[in-house]
Protein backbone atom coordinates (compact mmCIF):
# COMPACT_ATOMS: atom_id res chain seq x y z
CA MET A 1 105.27 113.25 78.56
CA ASN A 2 108.56 113.44 76.85
CA ILE A 3 111.16 113.57 79.83
CA GLY A 4 113.95 114.37 77.62
CA LYS A 5 112.41 117.59 76.98
CA VAL A 6 111.71 118.57 80.78
CA ASP A 7 114.33 120.88 82.05
CA LYS A 8 115.49 119.22 85.44
CA GLU A 9 116.16 122.39 87.04
CA VAL A 10 112.75 123.86 86.04
CA LEU A 11 111.37 120.70 87.45
CA LYS A 12 113.20 120.81 90.45
CA SER A 13 112.26 124.37 91.35
CA VAL A 14 108.29 123.54 90.89
CA ILE A 15 108.78 120.63 93.10
CA THR A 16 110.65 122.69 95.66
CA GLU A 17 107.88 125.36 95.43
CA VAL A 18 105.11 122.72 96.00
CA LEU A 19 106.91 121.28 99.09
CA ILE A 20 107.78 124.72 100.59
CA GLU A 21 103.93 125.65 100.34
CA ASN A 22 102.17 122.50 101.11
CA PRO A 23 104.00 119.40 101.73
CA ASN A 24 100.95 117.36 101.98
CA TYR A 25 99.84 118.68 98.94
CA PHE A 26 102.84 116.82 97.15
CA LYS A 27 102.03 113.69 99.21
CA GLU A 28 98.30 113.75 97.68
CA ILE A 29 99.71 113.85 94.18
CA LEU A 30 102.07 111.08 94.73
CA THR A 31 99.41 108.80 96.24
CA GLU A 32 97.21 109.73 93.54
CA ILE A 33 99.87 108.88 90.75
CA LEU A 34 100.48 105.46 92.55
CA SER A 35 97.03 104.72 92.52
CA GLU A 36 96.66 105.80 88.63
CA ASN A 37 99.48 103.53 87.95
CA SER A 38 97.82 100.27 89.60
CA ILE A 39 100.66 100.53 92.46
CA ILE A 40 98.11 101.36 95.09
CA ASP A 41 94.54 99.81 94.39
CA SER A 42 92.13 102.58 95.36
CA ASN A 43 89.19 100.01 95.52
CA VAL A 44 90.96 97.38 97.64
CA ARG A 45 92.93 98.21 100.84
CA ASN A 46 95.45 95.48 101.47
CA LYS A 47 98.12 95.51 103.88
CA ARG A 48 100.65 96.36 101.17
CA SER A 49 98.93 99.03 100.16
CA ASN A 50 98.31 100.33 103.53
CA ARG A 51 102.06 99.78 104.53
CA LEU A 52 103.11 101.91 101.28
CA GLU A 53 100.96 104.74 102.32
CA GLU A 54 102.42 104.56 105.78
CA MET A 55 105.73 104.78 104.72
CA ILE A 56 105.03 107.73 102.46
CA GLN A 57 103.76 109.18 105.36
CA GLU A 58 106.72 108.62 107.47
CA ASP A 59 109.06 109.93 105.05
CA PHE A 60 107.19 113.20 104.65
CA ASP A 61 106.94 113.28 108.61
CA LYS A 62 110.62 112.36 108.91
CA TYR A 63 112.24 114.45 105.90
CA GLY A 64 109.45 117.65 105.73
CA GLU A 65 111.69 119.92 107.55
CA VAL A 66 114.59 118.78 105.30
CA PHE A 67 112.37 119.56 102.07
CA LYS A 68 111.76 122.78 103.25
CA SER A 69 115.37 123.54 104.08
CA LEU A 70 116.51 122.31 100.76
CA ALA A 71 114.73 125.32 99.42
């Protein structure tokens, strides 16, 4: 993907729509991206991976309403 060709406003709009429609869907995508890039090992769950997932969930719980209000 060539990030230079991505219009930031279009990307922002798409992410905002996803957050409004289903914030958990965005979380699932983020978790999948982290797994695909070996940041979270999907086969071996260690403390660090679990903590990272907990932090993601905490952020979505804490800022879910903020995401919606920004749209």
